[in-house]
Amino acid sequence: MESTSTRLSTIFNKLKSTNLVKHKNTSDDAIANFSNILNMAAPVTKDDRVIVSVFRFLYKKNRKSFYKYIHINDMVYTVLLTDGLPIVNVLKLRNIITIKWDSRQNIFTVRKYDGPKICENNEQSSDKMYDEILSELPEKKIISWADSVSDDESE
């Protein structure tokens, strides 16, 4: 059985090669194909569900440090363990689609973006924060989560 990281990396690379991501094609077929591939990342085992809950906690606790950590350590595919907004940000699909996680059905729901809405949990409504994070990334690899958080952010 393949590891969770190998499975997620493969799925993430397949997502990046879809017409939706590469060409911003929002046809029903392109969205359905993207959705089918994305839902292969849904947790399967009890261990997968534990891993997902840890990554969602880390994302929700400190989004900025989460983005830094996954990019610096070449673990961008782990964004598939979070919610819809970070997936949309990383795949640069803002204002193109929306992704919602349905925990009861254990699936992602993907829809064409239909205009501005107030984001849940006071999430920023643009990629500005995410783009700023990417431009500020340090050269070194972050070995631990604590290394990715500055003293100001941890308070």
N, C-alpha and C. Protein backbone atom coordinates (compact mmCIF):
# COMPACT_ATOMS: atom_id res chain seq x y z
N MET A 1 0.84 -1.18 0.00
CA MET A 1 0.00 0.00 0.00
C MET A 1 0.89 1.25 0.00
N GLU A 2 0.55 2.19 -0.85
CA GLU A 2 1.38 3.38 -0.94
C GLU A 2 1.14 4.31 0.25
N SER A 3 2.14 5.11 0.54
CA SER A 3 2.03 6.03 1.67
C SER A 3 1.08 7.17 1.34
N THR A 4 0.59 7.81 2.37
CA THR A 4 -0.32 8.95 2.18
C THR A 4 0.37 10.06 1.40
N SER A 5 1.63 10.33 1.71
CA SER A 5 2.32 11.43 1.01
C SER A 5 2.52 11.11 -0.47
N THR A 6 2.83 9.86 -0.80
CA THR A 6 2.98 9.47 -2.21
C THR A 6 1.65 9.60 -2.94
N ARG A 7 0.60 9.13 -2.30
CA ARG A 7 -0.74 9.20 -2.90
C ARG A 7 -1.15 10.65 -3.14
N LEU A 8 -0.94 11.51 -2.13
CA LEU A 8 -1.32 12.91 -2.27
C LEU A 8 -0.48 13.63 -3.32
N SER A 9 0.80 13.32 -3.37
CA SER A 9 1.68 13.94 -4.37
C SER A 9 1.22 13.58 -5.78
N THR A 10 0.88 12.33 -5.99
CA THR A 10 0.40 11.88 -7.30
C THR A 10 -0.91 12.58 -7.67
N ILE A 11 -1.82 12.65 -6.72
CA ILE A 11 -3.11 13.31 -6.96
C ILE A 11 -2.90 14.79 -7.25
N PHE A 12 -2.03 15.44 -6.48
CA PHE A 12 -1.77 16.87 -6.68
C PHE A 12 -1.21 17.12 -8.08
N ASN A 13 -0.27 16.29 -8.51
CA ASN A 13 0.28 16.44 -9.86
C ASN A 13 -0.77 16.21 -10.94
N LYS A 14 -1.68 15.28 -10.71
CA LYS A 14 -2.78 15.07 -11.67
C LYS A 14 -3.69 16.29 -11.71
N LEU A 15 -3.96 16.89 -10.55
CA LEU A 15 -4.79 18.09 -10.50
C LEU A 15 -4.14 19.23 -11.29
N LYS A 16 -2.83 19.40 -11.12
CA LYS A 16 -2.12 20.47 -11.82
C LYS A 16 -2.16 20.30 -13.33
N SER A 17 -2.36 19.07 -13.80
CA SER A 17 -2.37 18.83 -15.24
C SER A 17 -3.78 18.85 -15.85
N THR A 18 -4.79 19.14 -15.04
CA THR A 18 -6.16 19.18 -15.57
C THR A 18 -6.38 20.45 -16.39
N ASN A 19 -7.39 20.41 -17.26
CA ASN A 19 -7.74 21.59 -18.06
C ASN A 19 -8.18 22.75 -17.18
N LEU A 20 -8.80 22.44 -16.07
CA LEU A 20 -9.24 23.50 -15.17
C LEU A 20 -8.05 24.30 -14.64
N VAL A 21 -7.01 23.61 -14.20
CA VAL A 21 -5.85 24.30 -13.63
C VAL A 21 -4.96 24.89 -14.74
N LYS A 22 -4.66 24.11 -15.76
CA LYS A 22 -3.74 24.57 -16.80
C LYS A 22 -4.33 25.67 -17.67
N HIS A 23 -5.61 25.52 -18.05
CA HIS A 23 -6.20 26.45 -19.02
C HIS A 23 -7.37 27.25 -18.47
N LYS A 24 -7.65 27.07 -17.17
CA LYS A 24 -8.77 27.76 -16.51
C LYS A 24 -10.09 27.47 -17.23
N ASN A 25 -10.21 26.27 -17.79
CA ASN A 25 -11.42 25.82 -18.48
C ASN A 25 -12.46 25.44 -17.43
N THR A 26 -13.58 26.16 -17.40
CA THR A 26 -14.60 25.90 -16.39
C THR A 26 -15.83 25.18 -16.96
N SER A 27 -15.62 24.40 -17.99
CA SER A 27 -16.74 23.62 -18.52
C SER A 27 -17.16 22.59 -17.48
N ASP A 28 -18.36 22.09 -17.62
CA ASP A 28 -18.86 21.08 -16.67
C ASP A 28 -17.96 19.86 -16.65
N ASP A 29 -17.48 19.44 -17.82
CA ASP A 29 -16.59 18.28 -17.90
C ASP A 29 -15.26 18.53 -17.19
N ALA A 30 -14.71 19.73 -17.37
CA ALA A 30 -13.43 20.06 -16.74
C ALA A 30 -13.58 20.10 -15.22
N ILE A 31 -14.68 20.66 -14.74
CA ILE A 31 -14.91 20.72 -13.29
C ILE A 31 -15.17 19.32 -12.74
N ALA A 32 -15.93 18.51 -13.46
CA ALA A 32 -16.20 17.14 -13.01
C ALA A 32 -14.92 16.32 -12.95
N ASN A 33 -14.06 16.46 -13.95
CA ASN A 33 -12.78 15.74 -13.96
C ASN A 33 -11.92 16.17 -12.79
N PHE A 34 -11.81 17.48 -12.56
CA PHE A 34 -11.04 18.02 -11.45
C PHE A 34 -11.60 17.49 -10.13
N SER A 35 -12.92 17.53 -9.98
CA SER A 35 -13.58 17.08 -8.76
C SER A 35 -13.32 15.60 -8.49
N ASN A 36 -13.39 14.78 -9.52
CA ASN A 36 -13.14 13.35 -9.37
C ASN A 36 -11.72 13.08 -8.88
N ILE A 37 -10.77 13.79 -9.47
CA ILE A 37 -9.36 13.62 -9.06
C ILE A 37 -9.17 14.13 -7.64
N LEU A 38 -9.73 15.30 -7.33
CA LEU A 38 -9.60 15.88 -5.99
C LEU A 38 -10.17 14.95 -4.93
N ASN A 39 -11.27 14.31 -5.21
CA ASN A 39 -11.89 13.44 -4.22
C ASN A 39 -11.12 12.15 -3.98
N MET A 40 -10.14 11.86 -4.81
CA MET A 40 -9.26 10.73 -4.52
C MET A 40 -8.36 11.05 -3.32
N ALA A 41 -8.27 12.33 -2.96
CA ALA A 41 -7.45 12.75 -1.81
C ALA A 41 -8.20 12.64 -0.49
N ALA A 42 -9.48 12.31 -0.55
CA ALA A 42 -10.27 12.19 0.69
C ALA A 42 -9.68 11.10 1.58
N PRO A 43 -9.72 11.32 2.89
CA PRO A 43 -9.16 10.32 3.80
C PRO A 43 -9.88 8.98 3.67
N VAL A 44 -9.08 7.90 3.68
CA VAL A 44 -9.62 6.56 3.49
C VAL A 44 -9.62 5.78 4.80
N THR A 45 -8.50 5.80 5.47
CA THR A 45 -8.35 5.01 6.70
C THR A 45 -8.50 5.90 7.93
N LYS A 46 -8.54 5.26 9.09
CA LYS A 46 -8.59 6.01 10.35
C LYS A 46 -7.33 6.85 10.50
N ASP A 47 -6.18 6.28 10.12
CA ASP A 47 -4.92 7.03 10.18
C ASP A 47 -4.97 8.26 9.27
N ASP A 48 -5.54 8.11 8.08
CA ASP A 48 -5.68 9.25 7.17
C ASP A 48 -6.51 10.36 7.82
N ARG A 49 -7.58 9.98 8.49
CA ARG A 49 -8.44 10.99 9.14
C ARG A 49 -7.69 11.73 10.25
N VAL A 50 -6.82 11.03 10.96
CA VAL A 50 -6.01 11.67 12.00
C VAL A 50 -5.04 12.68 11.35
N ILE A 51 -4.39 12.25 10.29
CA ILE A 51 -3.45 13.13 9.57
C ILE A 51 -4.18 14.37 9.07
N VAL A 52 -5.36 14.18 8.48
CA VAL A 52 -6.15 15.30 7.97
C VAL A 52 -6.48 16.26 9.10
N SER A 53 -6.90 15.75 10.24
CA SER A 53 -7.27 16.65 11.34
C SER A 53 -6.07 17.45 11.83
N VAL A 54 -4.89 16.85 11.83
CA VAL A 54 -3.68 17.58 12.25
C VAL A 54 -3.37 18.70 11.26
N PHE A 55 -3.40 18.40 9.97
CA PHE A 55 -3.09 19.42 8.97
C PHE A 55 -4.14 20.54 8.96
N ARG A 56 -5.40 20.21 9.14
CA ARG A 56 -6.44 21.24 9.20
C ARG A 56 -6.25 22.12 10.44
N PHE A 57 -5.87 21.50 11.55
CA PHE A 57 -5.60 22.28 12.75
C PHE A 57 -4.45 23.25 12.51
N LEU A 58 -3.35 22.75 11.92
CA LEU A 58 -2.19 23.61 11.66
C LEU A 58 -2.55 24.75 10.73
N TYR A 59 -3.34 24.46 9.70
CA TYR A 59 -3.75 25.50 8.76
C TYR A 59 -4.60 26.56 9.47
N LYS A 60 -5.57 26.10 10.23
CA LYS A 60 -6.47 27.04 10.90
C LYS A 60 -5.78 27.82 12.02
N LYS A 61 -4.80 27.21 12.66
CA LYS A 61 -4.09 27.87 13.75
C LYS A 61 -3.23 29.03 13.26
N ASN A 62 -2.54 28.85 12.13
CA ASN A 62 -1.66 29.89 11.62
C ASN A 62 -1.47 29.68 10.11
N ARG A 63 -2.37 30.28 9.32
CA ARG A 63 -2.35 30.08 7.86
C ARG A 63 -1.02 30.50 7.24
N LYS A 64 -0.51 31.62 7.67
CA LYS A 64 0.72 32.14 7.09
C LYS A 64 1.87 31.16 7.29
N SER A 65 2.04 30.67 8.49
CA SER A 65 3.11 29.71 8.76
C SER A 65 2.87 28.39 8.04
N PHE A 66 1.62 27.99 7.92
CA PHE A 66 1.31 26.76 7.21
C PHE A 66 1.77 26.85 5.75
N TYR A 67 1.39 27.94 5.08
CA TYR A 67 1.80 28.12 3.68
C TYR A 67 3.32 28.14 3.55
N LYS A 68 3.99 28.86 4.45
CA LYS A 68 5.46 28.90 4.41
C LYS A 68 6.04 27.50 4.55
N TYR A 69 5.57 26.78 5.53
CA TYR A 69 6.10 25.45 5.82
C TYR A 69 5.94 24.49 4.64
N ILE A 70 4.76 24.45 4.04
CA ILE A 70 4.56 23.48 2.95
C ILE A 70 5.34 23.85 1.69
N HIS A 71 5.55 25.13 1.47
CA HIS A 71 6.31 25.55 0.29
C HIS A 71 7.81 25.33 0.48
N ILE A 72 8.33 25.73 1.61
CA ILE A 72 9.76 25.60 1.85
C ILE A 72 10.19 24.14 1.89
N ASN A 73 9.34 23.28 2.42
CA ASN A 73 9.69 21.87 2.56
C ASN A 73 9.17 21.01 1.41
N ASP A 74 8.79 21.65 0.32
CA ASP A 74 8.34 20.94 -0.88
C ASP A 74 7.24 19.94 -0.55
N MET A 75 6.26 20.41 0.22
CA MET A 75 5.12 19.58 0.62
C MET A 75 3.81 20.25 0.24
N VAL A 76 3.80 20.95 -0.89
CA VAL A 76 2.61 21.69 -1.29
C VAL A 76 1.41 20.77 -1.45
N TYR A 77 1.64 19.54 -1.84
CA TYR A 77 0.55 18.57 -2.02
C TYR A 77 -0.24 18.34 -0.74
N THR A 78 0.34 18.64 0.43
CA THR A 78 -0.38 18.44 1.68
C THR A 78 -1.53 19.43 1.85
N VAL A 79 -1.60 20.42 0.98
CA VAL A 79 -2.73 21.34 1.01
C VAL A 79 -4.03 20.57 0.75
N LEU A 80 -3.93 19.41 0.12
CA LEU A 80 -5.11 18.58 -0.13
C LEU A 80 -5.71 18.03 1.17
N LEU A 81 -4.97 18.14 2.26
CA LEU A 81 -5.46 17.67 3.56
C LEU A 81 -6.20 18.76 4.31
N THR A 82 -6.32 19.94 3.72
CA THR A 82 -6.96 21.06 4.40
C THR A 82 -8.37 21.25 3.83
N ASP A 83 -8.79 22.49 3.73
CA ASP A 83 -10.11 22.82 3.22
C ASP A 83 -10.01 23.40 1.81
N GLY A 84 -11.14 23.81 1.28
CA GLY A 84 -11.20 24.29 -0.09
C GLY A 84 -10.40 25.53 -0.40
N LEU A 85 -10.43 26.52 0.49
CA LEU A 85 -9.75 27.79 0.20
C LEU A 85 -8.25 27.64 -0.02
N PRO A 86 -7.52 26.92 0.84
CA PRO A 86 -6.09 26.79 0.56
C PRO A 86 -5.80 26.02 -0.74
N ILE A 87 -6.66 25.08 -1.09
CA ILE A 87 -6.46 24.36 -2.36
C ILE A 87 -6.64 25.32 -3.52
N VAL A 88 -7.68 26.14 -3.45
CA VAL A 88 -7.93 27.14 -4.48
C VAL A 88 -6.75 28.11 -4.57
N ASN A 89 -6.22 28.54 -3.44
CA ASN A 89 -5.08 29.47 -3.44
C ASN A 89 -3.85 28.85 -4.09
N VAL A 90 -3.49 27.65 -3.66
CA VAL A 90 -2.27 27.02 -4.15
C VAL A 90 -2.35 26.72 -5.64
N LEU A 91 -3.52 26.31 -6.11
CA LEU A 91 -3.68 25.98 -7.53
C LEU A 91 -4.04 27.22 -8.36
N LYS A 92 -4.07 28.38 -7.72
CA LYS A 92 -4.34 29.66 -8.38
C LYS A 92 -5.66 29.64 -9.15
N LEU A 93 -6.69 29.21 -8.44
CA LEU A 93 -8.03 29.12 -9.02
C LEU A 93 -9.01 30.08 -8.36
N ARG A 94 -8.47 31.11 -7.71
CA ARG A 94 -9.30 32.11 -7.04
C ARG A 94 -10.17 32.79 -8.09
N ASN A 95 -11.44 33.01 -7.78
CA ASN A 95 -12.42 33.63 -8.67
C ASN A 95 -12.71 32.78 -9.91
N ILE A 96 -12.34 31.52 -9.88
CA ILE A 96 -12.64 30.60 -10.98
C ILE A 96 -13.56 29.49 -10.48
N ILE A 97 -13.19 28.89 -9.34
CA ILE A 97 -14.02 27.85 -8.73
C ILE A 97 -14.07 28.05 -7.22
N THR A 98 -15.01 27.37 -6.58
CA THR A 98 -15.03 27.27 -5.13
C THR A 98 -14.99 25.79 -4.78
N ILE A 99 -14.32 25.48 -3.69
CA ILE A 99 -14.23 24.11 -3.22
C ILE A 99 -14.70 24.09 -1.77
N LYS A 100 -15.61 23.19 -1.48
CA LYS A 100 -16.11 23.03 -0.11
C LYS A 100 -15.90 21.58 0.31
N TRP A 101 -15.51 21.36 1.55
CA TRP A 101 -15.35 20.02 2.10
C TRP A 101 -16.63 19.64 2.81
N ASP A 102 -17.21 18.50 2.45
CA ASP A 102 -18.40 17.97 3.11
C ASP A 102 -17.96 16.79 3.97
N SER A 103 -17.82 17.04 5.27
CA SER A 103 -17.30 15.99 6.17
C SER A 103 -18.28 14.84 6.35
N ARG A 104 -19.55 15.08 6.19
CA ARG A 104 -20.54 14.00 6.33
C ARG A 104 -20.43 12.99 5.19
N GLN A 105 -20.23 13.50 3.97
CA GLN A 105 -20.13 12.61 2.82
C GLN A 105 -18.68 12.27 2.47
N ASN A 106 -17.74 12.93 3.15
CA ASN A 106 -16.31 12.70 2.94
C ASN A 106 -15.89 13.01 1.50
N ILE A 107 -16.39 14.14 0.97
CA ILE A 107 -16.05 14.55 -0.40
C ILE A 107 -15.87 16.07 -0.47
N PHE A 108 -15.13 16.48 -1.49
CA PHE A 108 -15.03 17.89 -1.85
C PHE A 108 -16.11 18.17 -2.89
N THR A 109 -16.76 19.31 -2.78
CA THR A 109 -17.71 19.76 -3.78
C THR A 109 -17.07 20.92 -4.52
N VAL A 110 -16.98 20.82 -5.83
CA VAL A 110 -16.35 21.85 -6.65
C VAL A 110 -17.41 22.50 -7.52
N ARG A 111 -17.45 23.83 -7.48
CA ARG A 111 -18.42 24.58 -8.29
C ARG A 111 -17.72 25.76 -8.95
N LYS A 112 -18.30 26.19 -10.05
CA LYS A 112 -17.81 27.38 -10.72
C LYS A 112 -18.07 28.58 -9.80
N TYR A 113 -17.10 29.47 -9.71
CA TYR A 113 -17.21 30.67 -8.89
C TYR A 113 -18.35 31.54 -9.42
N ASP A 114 -19.21 32.01 -8.51
CA ASP A 114 -20.37 32.78 -8.97
C ASP A 114 -20.42 34.19 -8.38
N GLY A 115 -19.29 34.74 -8.08
CA GLY A 115 -19.25 36.12 -7.61
C GLY A 115 -18.79 36.24 -6.18
N PRO A 116 -18.57 37.49 -5.75
CA PRO A 116 -18.02 37.70 -4.40
C PRO A 116 -19.00 37.27 -3.31
N LYS A 117 -18.44 36.68 -2.29
CA LYS A 117 -19.20 36.30 -1.10
C LYS A 117 -18.36 36.65 0.11
N ILE A 118 -19.00 36.77 1.23
CA ILE A 118 -18.26 36.99 2.47
C ILE A 118 -17.65 35.66 2.87
N CYS A 119 -16.35 35.64 3.07
CA CYS A 119 -15.65 34.41 3.39
C CYS A 119 -15.90 34.02 4.85
N GLU A 120 -15.97 32.71 5.08
CA GLU A 120 -16.14 32.21 6.43
C GLU A 120 -14.87 32.44 7.23
N ASN A 121 -15.03 32.56 8.54
CA ASN A 121 -13.89 32.68 9.46
C ASN A 121 -12.99 33.86 9.15
N ASN A 122 -13.53 34.93 8.58
CA ASN A 122 -12.76 36.13 8.25
C ASN A 122 -11.57 35.85 7.35
N GLU A 123 -11.67 34.85 6.47
CA GLU A 123 -10.60 34.57 5.51
C GLU A 123 -10.50 35.76 4.57
N GLN A 124 -9.31 36.06 4.14
CA GLN A 124 -9.14 37.16 3.20
C GLN A 124 -9.80 36.81 1.88
N SER A 125 -10.37 37.80 1.21
CA SER A 125 -11.11 37.54 -0.02
C SER A 125 -10.24 37.65 -1.27
N SER A 126 -8.93 37.69 -1.14
CA SER A 126 -8.06 37.71 -2.30
C SER A 126 -6.81 36.90 -2.02
N ASP A 127 -6.00 36.70 -3.04
CA ASP A 127 -4.77 35.94 -2.89
C ASP A 127 -3.64 36.79 -2.32
N LYS A 128 -3.90 38.03 -1.97
CA LYS A 128 -2.83 38.94 -1.57
C LYS A 128 -1.96 38.36 -0.46
N MET A 129 -2.58 37.85 0.60
CA MET A 129 -1.80 37.29 1.71
C MET A 129 -0.95 36.12 1.21
N TYR A 130 -1.56 35.24 0.44
CA TYR A 130 -0.85 34.06 -0.05
C TYR A 130 0.33 34.47 -0.94
N ASP A 131 0.12 35.41 -1.84
CA ASP A 131 1.20 35.88 -2.71
C ASP A 131 2.32 36.54 -1.91
N GLU A 132 1.96 37.29 -0.88
CA GLU A 132 2.97 37.93 -0.02
C GLU A 132 3.80 36.87 0.69
N ILE A 133 3.15 35.83 1.15
CA ILE A 133 3.87 34.75 1.84
C ILE A 133 4.90 34.13 0.91
N LEU A 134 4.49 33.84 -0.32
CA LEU A 134 5.41 33.22 -1.27
C LEU A 134 6.59 34.12 -1.60
N SER A 135 6.36 35.42 -1.63
CA SER A 135 7.46 36.33 -1.95
C SER A 135 8.43 36.49 -0.78
N GLU A 136 8.00 36.15 0.44
CA GLU A 136 8.83 36.31 1.62
C GLU A 136 9.53 35.03 2.06
N LEU A 137 9.39 33.95 1.31
CA LEU A 137 9.94 32.68 1.76
C LEU A 137 11.46 32.73 1.89
N PRO A 138 11.98 32.22 3.00
CA PRO A 138 13.42 32.19 3.18
C PRO A 138 14.05 31.08 2.33
N GLU A 139 15.35 31.13 2.20
CA GLU A 139 16.08 30.16 1.40
C GLU A 139 16.18 28.80 2.08
N LYS A 140 16.32 28.78 3.41
CA LYS A 140 16.57 27.52 4.11
C LYS A 140 15.29 26.70 4.26
N LYS A 141 15.49 25.41 4.46
CA LYS A 141 14.36 24.52 4.73
C LYS A 141 13.99 24.65 6.20
N ILE A 142 12.72 24.63 6.45
CA ILE A 142 12.24 24.65 7.83
C ILE A 142 12.11 23.20 8.26
N ILE A 143 12.77 22.87 9.33
CA ILE A 143 12.78 21.49 9.80
C ILE A 143 11.61 21.24 10.74
N SER A 144 11.25 22.20 11.54
CA SER A 144 10.14 22.01 12.47
C SER A 144 9.11 23.11 12.28
N TRP A 145 7.91 22.84 12.77
CA TRP A 145 6.84 23.83 12.68
C TRP A 145 7.23 25.09 13.43
N ALA A 146 7.90 24.97 14.56
CA ALA A 146 8.29 26.13 15.35
C ALA A 146 9.22 27.06 14.57
N ASP A 147 10.07 26.48 13.70
CA ASP A 147 10.97 27.30 12.91
C ASP A 147 10.22 28.19 11.92
N SER A 148 9.02 27.80 11.53
CA SER A 148 8.29 28.57 10.54
C SER A 148 7.52 29.73 11.15
N VAL A 149 7.42 29.80 12.46
CA VAL A 149 6.66 30.84 13.13
C VAL A 149 7.60 31.85 13.74
N SER A 150 7.44 33.10 13.37
CA SER A 150 8.26 34.14 13.97
C SER A 150 7.76 34.41 15.39
N ASP A 151 8.56 35.09 16.18
CA ASP A 151 8.15 35.39 17.55
C ASP A 151 6.87 36.21 17.58
N ASP A 152 6.71 37.14 16.62
CA ASP A 152 5.50 37.97 16.57
C ASP A 152 4.26 37.13 16.29
N GLU A 153 4.39 36.14 15.40
CA GLU A 153 3.23 35.34 15.00
C GLU A 153 2.80 34.38 16.10
N SER A 154 3.71 33.97 16.93
CA SER A 154 3.40 32.95 17.92
C SER A 154 2.66 33.50 19.13
N GLU A 155 2.60 34.79 19.26
CA GLU A 155 1.91 35.40 20.42
C GLU A 155 0.44 35.53 20.18
